[in-house]
Structure formats: C-alpha cells, structure tokens
Amino acid sequence: MLEALADVDRRVVGTKQLLRAISEGKIAHAFVAQDADLLLTKRVVDRCFEMRIPCTQVESMEKLGRACGIDVKAAAAGLLA
C-alpha cells in the first residue's frame, strides 16, 4: 500500500495538508509515522476515525518520507480518493 504514495498525483504529504484534504473528503487512506509527534498524528488518526477513513501506522517518519519519494521525513501522508 505504501508504494502507491510514490505517485505524485495521488498523494498528500504533511499533517496540515492531510487534515485539510480529509475534511474535504478527498482522502481514501491515510498513513502516520509511529515516531512522529503524538500531538500531530493523534489529530490525523482522530479525524480519520470520524470520517471512517482507514489509517495505517508506518514504522518511522523516514520510511514514510521515502515511500512518498521525498528527501525529508514525513509525519503523515494520504492517498487521494
């Protein structure tokens, strides 16, 4: 499933952008890094629960960033519906 995040046209990277896209009903699946700040990821997880969007935890911010094809770590990302 993480492989799909490599597609630039189908992904949203970053907590703020992801929360906005979730609220707009644009996300099919969300991912959060286990080693990210809990205050950031809890907001994403809670919002996904409210909107009934699957949310998967990824081992690390580094792994999530790499899956997104970016050179920096990522706390959260999502696949567009």
C-alpha atoms as a PDB file:
ATOM      1  CA  MET A   1       0.000   0.000   0.000  1.00  0.00           C
ATOM      2  CA  LEU A   2       2.871   2.390   0.754  1.00  0.00           C
ATOM      3  CA  GLU A   3       4.073   2.029  -2.835  1.00  0.00           C
ATOM      4  CA  ALA A   4       1.044   3.994  -4.032  1.00  0.00           C
ATOM      5  CA  LEU A   5       2.393   7.080  -2.213  1.00  0.00           C
ATOM      6  CA  ALA A   6       5.135   7.369  -4.833  1.00  0.00           C
ATOM      7  CA  ASP A   7       2.525   8.646  -7.329  1.00  0.00           C
ATOM      8  CA  VAL A   8       2.713  12.457  -7.040  1.00  0.00           C
ATOM      9  CA  ASP A   9      -0.792  12.909  -8.456  1.00  0.00           C
ATOM     10  CA  ARG A  10      -2.426  10.615  -5.886  1.00  0.00           C
ATOM     11  CA  ARG A  11      -0.856  11.736  -2.619  1.00  0.00           C
ATOM     12  CA  VAL A  12      -0.927  14.442   0.010  1.00  0.00           C
ATOM     13  CA  VAL A  13       2.099  14.851   2.285  1.00  0.00           C
ATOM     14  CA  GLY A  14       2.188  16.700   5.572  1.00  0.00           C
ATOM     15  CA  THR A  15      -0.123  16.861   8.547  1.00  0.00           C
ATOM     16  CA  LYS A  16      -1.698  20.220   7.765  1.00  0.00           C
ATOM     17  CA  GLN A  17      -2.429  19.411   4.117  1.00  0.00           C
ATOM     18  CA  LEU A  18      -3.657  15.936   5.029  1.00  0.00           C
ATOM     19  CA  LEU A  19      -6.079  17.238   7.669  1.00  0.00           C
ATOM     20  CA  ARG A  20      -7.499  19.716   5.155  1.00  0.00           C
ATOM     21  CA  ALA A  21      -7.904  17.012   2.490  1.00  0.00           C
ATOM     22  CA  ILE A  22      -9.557  14.641   4.993  1.00  0.00           C
ATOM     23  CA  SER A  23     -12.062  17.342   5.957  1.00  0.00           C
ATOM     24  CA  GLU A  24     -12.832  17.901   2.277  1.00  0.00           C
ATOM     25  CA  GLY A  25     -13.465  14.168   1.771  1.00  0.00           C
ATOM     26  CA  LYS A  26     -10.580  13.757  -0.662  1.00  0.00           C
ATOM     27  CA  ILE A  27      -8.584  11.027   1.133  1.00  0.00           C
ATOM     28  CA  ALA A  28      -9.068   7.289   0.620  1.00  0.00           C
ATOM     29  CA  HIS A  29      -6.318   6.092   3.003  1.00  0.00           C
ATOM     30  CA  ALA A  30      -4.062   7.877   5.491  1.00  0.00           C
ATOM     31  CA  PHE A  31      -0.649   6.982   6.901  1.00  0.00           C
ATOM     32  CA  VAL A  32       1.029   8.276  10.072  1.00  0.00           C
ATOM     33  CA  ALA A  33       4.550   7.662  11.353  1.00  0.00           C
ATOM     34  CA  GLN A  34       4.850   5.976  14.745  1.00  0.00           C
ATOM     35  CA  ASP A  35       7.851   8.087  15.750  1.00  0.00           C
ATOM     36  CA  ALA A  36       6.199  11.409  14.886  1.00  0.00           C
ATOM     37  CA  ASP A  37       4.931  13.867  17.491  1.00  0.00           C
ATOM     38  CA  LEU A  38       1.827  12.346  19.063  1.00  0.00           C
ATOM     39  CA  LEU A  39       0.039  15.708  19.077  1.00  0.00           C
ATOM     40  CA  LEU A  40       0.295  15.822  15.274  1.00  0.00           C
ATOM     41  CA  THR A  41      -0.583  12.240  14.493  1.00  0.00           C
ATOM     42  CA  LYS A  42      -3.438  11.997  17.018  1.00  0.00           C
ATOM     43  CA  ARG A  43      -5.301  14.758  15.183  1.00  0.00           C
ATOM     44  CA  VAL A  44      -4.964  12.830  11.921  1.00  0.00           C
ATOM     45  CA  VAL A  45      -5.960   9.493  13.468  1.00  0.00           C
ATOM     46  CA  ASP A  46      -8.962  11.032  15.248  1.00  0.00           C
ATOM     47  CA  ARG A  47     -10.142  12.818  12.100  1.00  0.00           C
ATOM     48  CA  CYS A  48      -9.780   9.611  10.060  1.00  0.00           C
ATOM     49  CA  PHE A  49     -11.857   7.765  12.656  1.00  0.00           C
ATOM     50  CA  GLU A  50     -14.572  10.427  12.472  1.00  0.00           C
ATOM     51  CA  MET A  51     -14.627  10.317   8.671  1.00  0.00           C
ATOM     52  CA  ARG A  52     -14.304   6.495   8.542  1.00  0.00           C
ATOM     53  CA  ILE A  53     -11.060   6.612   6.571  1.00  0.00           C
ATOM     54  CA  PRO A  54      -8.543   3.785   7.029  1.00  0.00           C
ATOM     55  CA  CYS A  55      -5.373   4.960   8.775  1.00  0.00           C
ATOM     56  CA  THR A  56      -2.188   2.894   8.860  1.00  0.00           C
ATOM     57  CA  GLN A  57       0.804   3.408  11.128  1.00  0.00           C
ATOM     58  CA  VAL A  58       4.236   3.318   9.485  1.00  0.00           C
ATOM     59  CA  GLU A  59       7.417   2.450  11.401  1.00  0.00           C
ATOM     60  CA  SER A  60       9.153   5.796  11.021  1.00  0.00           C
ATOM     61  CA  MET A  61       8.968   9.279   9.557  1.00  0.00           C
ATOM     62  CA  GLU A  62      11.990   8.444   7.440  1.00  0.00           C
ATOM     63  CA  LYS A  63      10.287   5.386   5.919  1.00  0.00           C
ATOM     64  CA  LEU A  64       7.112   7.385   5.208  1.00  0.00           C
ATOM     65  CA  GLY A  65       9.097  10.185   3.562  1.00  0.00           C
ATOM     66  CA  ARG A  66      10.983   7.669   1.441  1.00  0.00           C
ATOM     67  CA  ALA A  67       7.702   5.995   0.387  1.00  0.00           C
ATOM     68  CA  CYS A  68       6.445   9.412  -0.737  1.00  0.00           C
ATOM     69  CA  GLY A  69       9.577   9.916  -2.825  1.00  0.00           C
ATOM     70  CA  ILE A  70      10.708  12.982  -0.882  1.00  0.00           C
ATOM     71  CA  ASP A  71      14.116  13.692   0.640  1.00  0.00           C
ATOM     72  CA  VAL A  72      12.777  14.692   4.058  1.00  0.00           C
ATOM     73  CA  LYS A  73      10.921  12.876   6.818  1.00  0.00           C
ATOM     74  CA  ALA A  74       7.112  12.924   6.868  1.00  0.00           C
ATOM     75  CA  ALA A  75       4.819  12.621   9.876  1.00  0.00           C
ATOM     76  CA  ALA A  76       1.689  11.958   7.813  1.00  0.00           C
ATOM     77  CA  ALA A  77       0.593  11.313   4.241  1.00  0.00           C
ATOM     78  CA  GLY A  78      -2.505  10.182   2.436  1.00  0.00           C
ATOM     79  CA  LEU A  79      -3.791   8.735  -0.814  1.00  0.00           C
ATOM     80  CA  LEU A  80      -6.358  10.763  -2.683  1.00  0.00           C
ATOM     81  CA  ALA A  81      -9.698   9.121  -3.384  1.00  0.00           C
END
